[in-house]
PDB file of N, CA and C in Angstrom:
ATOM      1  N   VAL A   1      37.944 -36.070 -37.396  1.00  0.00           N
ATOM      2  CA  VAL A   1      36.744 -36.460 -36.693  1.00  0.00           C
ATOM      3  C   VAL A   1      35.582 -35.685 -37.298  1.00  0.00           C
ATOM      4  N   LEU A   2      34.556 -36.423 -37.667  1.00  0.00           N
ATOM      5  CA  LEU A   2      33.328 -35.836 -38.217  1.00  0.00           C
ATOM      6  C   LEU A   2      32.251 -35.945 -37.144  1.00  0.00           C
ATOM      7  N   TYR A   3      31.756 -34.794 -36.655  1.00  0.00           N
ATOM      8  CA  TYR A   3      30.721 -34.777 -35.619  1.00  0.00           C
ATOM      9  C   TYR A   3      29.390 -34.377 -36.235  1.00  0.00           C
ATOM     10  N   LEU A   4      28.393 -35.213 -36.064  1.00  0.00           N
ATOM     11  CA  LEU A   4      27.049 -34.954 -36.575  1.00  0.00           C
ATOM     12  C   LEU A   4      26.090 -34.859 -35.397  1.00  0.00           C
ATOM     13  N   LYS A   5      25.400 -33.745 -35.290  1.00  0.00           N
ATOM     14  CA  LYS A   5      24.479 -33.506 -34.187  1.00  0.00           C
ATOM     15  C   LYS A   5      23.046 -33.812 -34.626  1.00  0.00           C
ATOM     16  N   ASP A   6      22.298 -34.444 -33.751  1.00  0.00           N
ATOM     17  CA  ASP A   6      20.877 -34.752 -33.986  1.00  0.00           C
ATOM     18  C   ASP A   6      20.655 -35.554 -35.272  1.00  0.00           C
ATOM     19  N   ILE A   7      21.296 -36.711 -35.369  1.00  0.00           N
ATOM     20  CA  ILE A   7      21.159 -37.501 -36.601  1.00  0.00           C
ATOM     21  C   ILE A   7      19.768 -38.104 -36.755  1.00  0.00           C
ATOM     22  N   ASN A   8      18.971 -38.121 -35.696  1.00  0.00           N
ATOM     23  CA  ASN A   8      17.618 -38.651 -35.832  1.00  0.00           C
ATOM     24  C   ASN A   8      16.586 -37.539 -36.050  1.00  0.00           C
ATOM     25  N   LEU A   9      17.033 -36.351 -36.400  1.00  0.00           N
ATOM     26  CA  LEU A   9      16.123 -35.235 -36.647  1.00  0.00           C
ATOM     27  C   LEU A   9      15.507 -35.261 -38.053  1.00  0.00           C
ATOM     28  N   PRO A  10      16.274 -35.618 -39.116  1.00  0.00           N
ATOM     29  CA  PRO A  10      15.648 -35.640 -40.454  1.00  0.00           C
ATOM     30  C   PRO A  10      14.515 -36.667 -40.524  1.00  0.00           C
ATOM     31  N   LYS A  11      13.427 -36.251 -41.142  1.00  0.00           N
ATOM     32  CA  LYS A  11      12.253 -37.121 -41.266  1.00  0.00           C
ATOM     33  C   LYS A  11      12.495 -38.185 -42.332  1.00  0.00           C
ATOM     34  N   PRO A  12      12.218 -39.447 -42.024  1.00  0.00           N
ATOM     35  CA  PRO A  12      12.352 -40.503 -43.032  1.00  0.00           C
ATOM     36  C   PRO A  12      11.366 -40.309 -44.179  1.00  0.00           C
ATOM     37  N   ASP A  13      11.705 -40.848 -45.346  1.00  0.00           N
ATOM     38  CA  ASP A  13      10.829 -40.733 -46.508  1.00  0.00           C
ATOM     39  C   ASP A  13       9.695 -41.760 -46.418  1.00  0.00           C
ATOM     40  N   MET A  14       8.942 -41.893 -47.487  1.00  0.00           N
ATOM     41  CA  MET A  14       7.784 -42.783 -47.486  1.00  0.00           C
ATOM     42  C   MET A  14       8.164 -44.260 -47.327  1.00  0.00           C
ATOM     43  N   TYR A  15       9.430 -44.597 -47.559  1.00  0.00           N
ATOM     44  CA  TYR A  15       9.906 -45.972 -47.387  1.00  0.00           C
ATOM     45  C   TYR A  15      10.580 -46.160 -46.034  1.00  0.00           C
ATOM     46  N   ASN A  16      10.444 -45.147 -45.161  1.00  0.00           N
ATOM     47  CA  ASN A  16      11.027 -45.153 -43.821  1.00  0.00           C
ATOM     48  C   ASN A  16      12.556 -45.175 -43.859  1.00  0.00           C
ATOM     49  N   THR A  17      13.137 -44.502 -44.854  1.00  0.00           N
ATOM     50  CA  THR A  17      14.584 -44.407 -44.990  1.00  0.00           C
ATOM     51  C   THR A  17      15.013 -42.964 -44.788  1.00  0.00           C
ATOM     52  N   CYS A  18      15.998 -42.777 -43.954  1.00  0.00           N
ATOM     53  CA  CYS A  18      16.592 -41.454 -43.756  1.00  0.00           C
ATOM     54  C   CYS A  18      17.872 -41.408 -44.595  1.00  0.00           C
ATOM     55  N   MET A  19      17.958 -40.461 -45.504  1.00  0.00           N
ATOM     56  CA  MET A  19      19.093 -40.407 -46.426  1.00  0.00           C
ATOM     57  C   MET A  19      20.423 -40.230 -45.696  1.00  0.00           C
ATOM     58  N   LEU A  20      20.437 -39.449 -44.628  1.00  0.00           N
ATOM     59  CA  LEU A  20      21.666 -39.253 -43.855  1.00  0.00           C
ATOM     60  C   LEU A  20      22.141 -40.562 -43.238  1.00  0.00           C
ATOM     61  N   VAL A  21      21.230 -41.298 -42.629  1.00  0.00           N
ATOM     62  CA  VAL A  21      21.588 -42.565 -41.998  1.00  0.00           C
ATOM     63  C   VAL A  21      22.002 -43.590 -43.060  1.00  0.00           C
ATOM     64  N   ALA A  22      21.338 -43.604 -44.203  1.00  0.00           N
ATOM     65  CA  ALA A  22      21.713 -44.518 -45.290  1.00  0.00           C
ATOM     66  C   ALA A  22      23.115 -44.192 -45.809  1.00  0.00           C
ATOM     67  N   PHE A  23      23.436 -42.903 -45.904  1.00  0.00           N
ATOM     68  CA  PHE A  23      24.772 -42.500 -46.346  1.00  0.00           C
ATOM     69  C   PHE A  23      25.833 -42.912 -45.318  1.00  0.00           C
ATOM     70  N   LEU A  24      25.554 -42.704 -44.046  1.00  0.00           N
ATOM     71  CA  LEU A  24      26.489 -43.130 -42.998  1.00  0.00           C
ATOM     72  C   LEU A  24      26.674 -44.644 -43.003  1.00  0.00           C
ATOM     73  N   GLN A  25      25.595 -45.378 -43.243  1.00  0.00           N
ATOM     74  CA  GLN A  25      25.683 -46.839 -43.327  1.00  0.00           C
ATOM     75  C   GLN A  25      26.597 -47.260 -44.467  1.00  0.00           C
ATOM     76  N   GLN A  26      26.494 -46.578 -45.603  1.00  0.00           N
ATOM     77  CA  GLN A  26      27.358 -46.881 -46.740  1.00  0.00           C
ATOM     78  C   GLN A  26      28.818 -46.554 -46.426  1.00  0.00           C
ATOM     79  N   LEU A  27      29.063 -45.435 -45.755  1.00  0.00           N
ATOM     80  CA  LEU A  27      30.436 -45.081 -45.372  1.00  0.00           C
ATOM     81  C   LEU A  27      31.037 -46.123 -44.445  1.00  0.00           C
ATOM     82  N   LEU A  28      30.257 -46.578 -43.477  1.00  0.00           N
ATOM     83  CA  LEU A  28      30.759 -47.552 -42.520  1.00  0.00           C
ATOM     84  C   LEU A  28      30.957 -48.934 -43.134  1.00  0.00           C
ATOM     85  N   THR A  29      30.056 -49.318 -44.006  1.00  0.00           N
ATOM     86  CA  THR A  29      30.116 -50.662 -44.587  1.00  0.00           C
ATOM     87  C   THR A  29      31.182 -50.785 -45.668  1.00  0.00           C
ATOM     88  N   PHE A  30      31.262 -49.782 -46.551  1.00  0.00           N
ATOM     89  CA  PHE A  30      32.142 -49.878 -47.714  1.00  0.00           C
ATOM     90  C   PHE A  30      33.336 -48.937 -47.669  1.00  0.00           C
ATOM     91  N   ASN A  31      33.481 -48.154 -46.583  1.00  0.00           N
ATOM     92  CA  ASN A  31      34.585 -47.191 -46.437  1.00  0.00           C
ATOM     93  C   ASN A  31      34.633 -46.184 -47.570  1.00  0.00           C
ATOM     94  N   GLY A  32      33.488 -45.756 -48.056  1.00  0.00           N
ATOM     95  CA  GLY A  32      33.438 -44.763 -49.126  1.00  0.00           C
ATOM     96  C   GLY A  32      32.043 -44.654 -49.695  1.00  0.00           C
ATOM     97  N   PHE A  33      31.946 -43.935 -50.807  1.00  0.00           N
ATOM     98  CA  PHE A  33      30.656 -43.719 -51.450  1.00  0.00           C
ATOM     99  C   PHE A  33      30.872 -43.433 -52.932  1.00  0.00           C
ATOM    100  N   TYR A  34      29.798 -43.508 -53.694  1.00  0.00           N
ATOM    101  CA  TYR A  34      29.837 -43.199 -55.123  1.00  0.00           C
ATOM    102  C   TYR A  34      29.415 -41.754 -55.340  1.00  0.00           C
ATOM    103  N   ASP A  35      30.160 -41.027 -56.179  1.00  0.00           N
ATOM    104  CA  ASP A  35      29.772 -39.650 -56.494  1.00  0.00           C
ATOM    105  C   ASP A  35      28.781 -39.649 -57.652  1.00  0.00           C
ATOM    106  N   GLU A  36      28.443 -38.451 -58.156  1.00  0.00           N
ATOM    107  CA  GLU A  36      27.433 -38.347 -59.223  1.00  0.00           C
ATOM    108  C   GLU A  36      27.898 -38.948 -60.548  1.00  0.00           C
ATOM    109  N   ASN A  37      29.219 -39.155 -60.714  1.00  0.00           N
ATOM    110  CA  ASN A  37      29.758 -39.793 -61.923  1.00  0.00           C
ATOM    111  C   ASN A  37      29.954 -41.291 -61.740  1.00  0.00           C
ATOM    112  N   LEU A  38      29.397 -41.833 -60.656  1.00  0.00           N
ATOM    113  CA  LEU A  38      29.506 -43.255 -60.310  1.00  0.00           C
ATOM    114  C   LEU A  38      30.955 -43.699 -60.103  1.00  0.00           C
ATOM    115  N   GLU A  39      31.776 -42.776 -59.643  1.00  0.00           N
ATOM    116  CA  GLU A  39      33.157 -43.093 -59.271  1.00  0.00           C
ATOM    117  C   GLU A  39      33.193 -43.297 -57.762  1.00  0.00           C
ATOM    118  N   PHE A  40      33.806 -44.404 -57.321  1.00  0.00           N
ATOM    119  CA  PHE A  40      33.845 -44.702 -55.897  1.00  0.00           C
ATOM    120  C   PHE A  40      34.927 -43.872 -55.227  1.00  0.00           C
ATOM    121  N   LEU A  41      34.544 -43.141 -54.206  1.00  0.00           N
ATOM    122  CA  LEU A  41      35.472 -42.319 -53.441  1.00  0.00           C
ATOM    123  C   LEU A  41      35.693 -42.982 -52.090  1.00  0.00           C
ATOM    124  N   ARG A  42      36.926 -43.386 -51.834  1.00  0.00           N
ATOM    125  CA  ARG A  42      37.262 -44.080 -50.593  1.00  0.00           C
ATOM    126  C   ARG A  42      37.586 -43.060 -49.503  1.00  0.00           C
ATOM    127  N   ILE A  43      37.061 -43.308 -48.321  1.00  0.00           N
ATOM    128  CA  ILE A  43      37.303 -42.471 -47.150  1.00  0.00           C
ATOM    129  C   ILE A  43      38.203 -43.250 -46.195  1.00  0.00           C
ATOM    130  N   GLN A  44      39.316 -42.624 -45.783  1.00  0.00           N
ATOM    131  CA  GLN A  44      40.248 -43.290 -44.880  1.00  0.00           C
ATOM    132  C   GLN A  44      40.555 -42.389 -43.693  1.00  0.00           C
ATOM    133  N   LYS A  45      40.888 -43.019 -42.594  1.00  0.00           N
ATOM    134  CA  LYS A  45      41.332 -42.328 -41.381  1.00  0.00           C
ATOM    135  C   LYS A  45      40.346 -41.267 -40.924  1.00  0.00           C
ATOM    136  N   ILE A  46      39.087 -41.659 -40.793  1.00  0.00           N
ATOM    137  CA  ILE A  46      38.056 -40.738 -40.325  1.00  0.00           C
ATOM    138  C   ILE A  46      37.266 -41.418 -39.210  1.00  0.00           C
ATOM    139  N   GLN A  47      36.912 -40.637 -38.215  1.00  0.00           N
ATOM    140  CA  GLN A  47      36.061 -41.116 -37.136  1.00  0.00           C
ATOM    141  C   GLN A  47      34.761 -40.322 -37.191  1.00  0.00           C
ATOM    142  N   ILE A  48      33.656 -41.018 -37.079  1.00  0.00           N
ATOM    143  CA  ILE A  48      32.349 -40.372 -37.110  1.00  0.00           C
ATOM    144  C   ILE A  48      31.747 -40.461 -35.718  1.00  0.00           C
ATOM    145  N   VAL A  49      31.411 -39.314 -35.162  1.00  0.00           N
ATOM    146  CA  VAL A  49      30.783 -39.231 -33.849  1.00  0.00           C
ATOM    147  C   VAL A  49      29.439 -38.537 -34.042  1.00  0.00           C
ATOM    148  N   CYS A  50      28.384 -39.151 -33.540  1.00  0.00           N
ATOM    149  CA  CYS A  50      27.040 -38.592 -33.710  1.00  0.00           C
ATOM    150  C   CYS A  50      26.375 -38.435 -32.354  1.00  0.00           C
ATOM    151  N   SER A  51      25.439 -37.511 -32.307  1.00  0.00           N
ATOM    152  CA  SER A  51      24.631 -37.357 -31.102  1.00  0.00           C
ATOM    153  C   SER A  51      23.170 -37.279 -31.508  1.00  0.00           C
ATOM    154  N   MET A  52      22.306 -37.590 -30.557  1.00  0.00           N
ATOM    155  CA  MET A  52      20.872 -37.543 -30.821  1.00  0.00           C
ATOM    156  C   MET A  52      20.122 -37.495 -29.510  1.00  0.00           C
ATOM    157  N   ASN A  53      18.887 -37.058 -29.558  1.00  0.00           N
ATOM    158  CA  ASN A  53      17.987 -37.125 -28.416  1.00  0.00           C
ATOM    159  C   ASN A  53      17.132 -38.371 -28.558  1.00  0.00           C
ATOM    160  N   ALA A  54      16.449 -38.707 -27.515  1.00  0.00           N
ATOM    161  CA  ALA A  54      15.584 -39.890 -27.548  1.00  0.00           C
ATOM    162  C   ALA A  54      14.515 -39.740 -28.623  1.00  0.00           C
ATOM    163  N   ALA A  55      14.167 -40.832 -29.261  1.00  0.00           N
ATOM    164  CA  ALA A  55      13.165 -40.803 -30.335  1.00  0.00           C
ATOM    165  C   ALA A  55      11.773 -40.482 -29.801  1.00  0.00           C
ATOM    166  N   THR A  56      11.606 -40.495 -28.492  1.00  0.00           N
ATOM    167  CA  THR A  56      10.301 -40.179 -27.908  1.00  0.00           C
ATOM    168  C   THR A  56      10.062 -38.672 -27.821  1.00  0.00           C
ATOM    169  N   THR A  57      11.106 -37.857 -28.019  1.00  0.00           N
ATOM    170  CA  THR A  57      10.922 -36.409 -27.981  1.00  0.00           C
ATOM    171  C   THR A  57      10.350 -35.922 -29.310  1.00  0.00           C
ATOM    172  N   VAL A  58       9.759 -34.756 -29.296  1.00  0.00           N
ATOM    173  CA  VAL A  58       9.058 -34.216 -30.462  1.00  0.00           C
ATOM    174  C   VAL A  58      10.023 -33.976 -31.621  1.00  0.00           C
ATOM    175  N   GLY A  59       9.649 -34.440 -32.808  1.00  0.00           N
ATOM    176  CA  GLY A  59      10.443 -34.204 -34.009  1.00  0.00           C
ATOM    177  C   GLY A  59      11.586 -35.163 -34.225  1.00  0.00           C
ATOM    178  N   ARG A  60      11.749 -36.128 -33.348  1.00  0.00           N
ATOM    179  CA  ARG A  60      12.827 -37.109 -33.486  1.00  0.00           C
ATOM    180  C   ARG A  60      12.256 -38.417 -34.031  1.00  0.00           C
ATOM    181  N   HIS A  61      13.083 -39.152 -34.755  1.00  0.00           N
ATOM    182  CA  HIS A  61      12.644 -40.398 -35.377  1.00  0.00           C
ATOM    183  C   HIS A  61      13.620 -41.512 -35.003  1.00  0.00           C
ATOM    184  N   PRO A  62      13.137 -42.736 -34.830  1.00  0.00           N
ATOM    185  CA  PRO A  62      14.044 -43.833 -34.477  1.00  0.00           C
ATOM    186  C   PRO A  62      14.987 -44.163 -35.634  1.00  0.00           C
ATOM    187  N   LEU A  63      16.215 -44.569 -35.288  1.00  0.00           N
ATOM    188  CA  LEU A  63      17.187 -44.982 -36.296  1.00  0.00           C
ATOM    189  C   LEU A  63      16.905 -46.421 -36.710  1.00  0.00           C
ATOM    190  N   SER A  64      17.326 -46.774 -37.904  1.00  0.00           N
ATOM    191  CA  SER A  64      17.090 -48.134 -38.395  1.00  0.00           C
ATOM    192  C   SER A  64      17.932 -49.130 -37.604  1.00  0.00           C
ATOM    193  N   THR A  65      17.395 -50.317 -37.416  1.00  0.00           N
ATOM    194  CA  THR A  65      18.129 -51.348 -36.681  1.00  0.00           C
ATOM    195  C   THR A  65      19.347 -51.823 -37.463  1.00  0.00           C
ATOM    196  N   ARG A  66      19.292 -51.743 -38.770  1.00  0.00           N
ATOM    197  CA  ARG A  66      20.454 -52.117 -39.583  1.00  0.00           C
ATOM    198  C   ARG A  66      21.632 -51.190 -39.287  1.00  0.00           C
ATOM    199  N   PHE A  67      21.341 -49.897 -39.108  1.00  0.00           N
ATOM    200  CA  PHE A  67      22.397 -48.933 -38.796  1.00  0.00           C
ATOM    201  C   PHE A  67      22.896 -49.112 -37.364  1.00  0.00           C
ATOM    202  N   THR A  68      21.978 -49.214 -36.410  1.00  0.00           N
ATOM    203  CA  THR A  68      22.395 -49.310 -35.010  1.00  0.00           C
ATOM    204  C   THR A  68      23.110 -50.614 -34.699  1.00  0.00           C
ATOM    205  N   ALA A  69      22.903 -51.647 -35.516  1.00  0.00           N
ATOM    206  CA  ALA A  69      23.603 -52.910 -35.300  1.00  0.00           C
ATOM    207  C   ALA A  69      25.083 -52.815 -35.659  1.00  0.00           C
ATOM    208  N   SER A  70      25.464 -51.820 -36.458  1.00  0.00           N
ATOM    209  CA  SER A  70      26.850 -51.732 -36.916  1.00  0.00           C
ATOM    210  C   SER A  70      27.643 -50.597 -36.263  1.00  0.00           C
ATOM    211  N   VAL A  71      27.067 -49.941 -35.262  1.00  0.00           N
ATOM    212  CA  VAL A  71      27.760 -48.836 -34.601  1.00  0.00           C
ATOM    213  C   VAL A  71      27.818 -49.078 -33.097  1.00  0.00           C
ATOM    214  N   ARG A  72      28.714 -48.359 -32.441  1.00  0.00           N
ATOM    215  CA  ARG A  72      28.791 -48.405 -30.978  1.00  0.00           C
ATOM    216  C   ARG A  72      27.900 -47.298 -30.427  1.00  0.00           C
ATOM    217  N   ILE A  73      27.102 -47.649 -29.438  1.00  0.00           N
ATOM    218  CA  ILE A  73      26.151 -46.691 -28.878  1.00  0.00           C
ATOM    219  C   ILE A  73      26.437 -46.520 -27.393  1.00  0.00           C
ATOM    220  N   GLY A  74      26.559 -45.268 -26.978  1.00  0.00           N
ATOM    221  CA  GLY A  74      26.702 -44.929 -25.565  1.00  0.00           C
ATOM    222  C   GLY A  74      25.527 -44.053 -25.160  1.00  0.00           C
ATOM    223  N   VAL A  75      24.994 -44.300 -23.987  1.00  0.00           N
ATOM    224  CA  VAL A  75      23.811 -43.568 -23.533  1.00  0.00           C
ATOM    225  C   VAL A  75      24.175 -42.761 -22.289  1.00  0.00           C
ATOM    226  N   VAL A  76      23.827 -41.490 -22.309  1.00  0.00           N
ATOM    227  CA  VAL A  76      23.981 -40.623 -21.149  1.00  0.00           C
ATOM    228  C   VAL A  76      22.593 -40.104 -20.798  1.00  0.00           C
ATOM    229  N   ASP A  77      22.112 -40.481 -19.641  1.00  0.00           N
ATOM    230  CA  ASP A  77      20.772 -40.084 -19.218  1.00  0.00           C
ATOM    231  C   ASP A  77      20.826 -38.711 -18.551  1.00  0.00           C
ATOM    232  N   TYR A  78      19.666 -38.117 -18.368  1.00  0.00           N
ATOM    233  CA  TYR A  78      19.587 -36.837 -17.675  1.00  0.00           C
ATOM    234  C   TYR A  78      19.967 -37.027 -16.213  1.00  0.00           C
ATOM    235  N   PRO A  79      20.738 -36.113 -15.636  1.00  0.00           N
ATOM    236  CA  PRO A  79      21.113 -36.265 -14.225  1.00  0.00           C
ATOM    237  C   PRO A  79      19.920 -35.999 -13.307  1.00  0.00           C
ATOM    238  N   ASP A  80      19.919 -36.690 -12.166  1.00  0.00           N
ATOM    239  CA  ASP A  80      18.862 -36.420 -11.203  1.00  0.00           C
ATOM    240  C   ASP A  80      19.272 -35.252 -10.302  1.00  0.00           C
ATOM    241  N   GLN A  81      18.412 -34.881  -9.379  1.00  0.00           N
ATOM    242  CA  GLN A  81      18.644 -33.697  -8.540  1.00  0.00           C
ATOM    243  C   GLN A  81      19.892 -33.856  -7.670  1.00  0.00           C
ATOM    244  N   LYS A  82      20.126 -35.039  -7.153  1.00  0.00           N
ATOM    245  CA  LYS A  82      21.309 -35.277  -6.290  1.00  0.00           C
ATOM    246  C   LYS A  82      22.599 -35.125  -7.098  1.00  0.00           C
ATOM    247  N   GLU A  83      22.623 -35.652  -8.309  1.00  0.00           N
ATOM    248  CA  GLU A  83      23.819 -35.528  -9.147  1.00  0.00           C
ATOM    249  C   GLU A  83      24.072 -34.074  -9.527  1.00  0.00           C
ATOM    250  N   LEU A  84      23.023 -33.323  -9.807  1.00  0.00           N
ATOM    251  CA  LEU A  84      23.178 -31.912 -10.130  1.00  0.00           C
ATOM    252  C   LEU A  84      23.721 -31.121  -8.952  1.00  0.00           C
ATOM    253  N   SER A  85      23.256 -31.418  -7.756  1.00  0.00           N
ATOM    254  CA  SER A  85      23.758 -30.693  -6.583  1.00  0.00           C
ATOM    255  C   SER A  85      25.208 -31.056  -6.285  1.00  0.00           C
ATOM    256  N   THR A  86      25.634 -32.273  -6.635  1.00  0.00           N
ATOM    257  CA  THR A  86      27.030 -32.661  -6.459  1.00  0.00           C
ATOM    258  C   THR A  86      27.931 -31.892  -7.424  1.00  0.00           C
ATOM    259  N   VAL A  87      27.470 -31.718  -8.636  1.00  0.00           N
ATOM    260  CA  VAL A  87      28.264 -31.029  -9.642  1.00  0.00           C
ATOM    261  C   VAL A  87      28.338 -29.543  -9.346  1.00  0.00           C
ATOM    262  N   TYR A  88      27.215 -28.956  -8.976  1.00  0.00           N
ATOM    263  CA  TYR A  88      27.175 -27.506  -8.745  1.00  0.00           C
ATOM    264  C   TYR A  88      27.262 -27.227  -7.270  1.00  0.00           C
TER     265      TYR A  88
END
């Protein structure tokens, strides 16, 4: 299992591309990547789990729709006061 925290933290380049997200898209689409010698390295039996904060918070950037269309997304909102008092 590969866990990546705050995947929407890196700033996109001038073409609005985040290299981390583009690399993850390539891993998911082609099950591997090309190294510096242009040899394709296949990745097998790996699970990628990512976390992020809302893009509305400071320093966060929205993910590309091409990437989010190919992944499963689960949302956990901040608990309200009643839920916090139930837990604690």
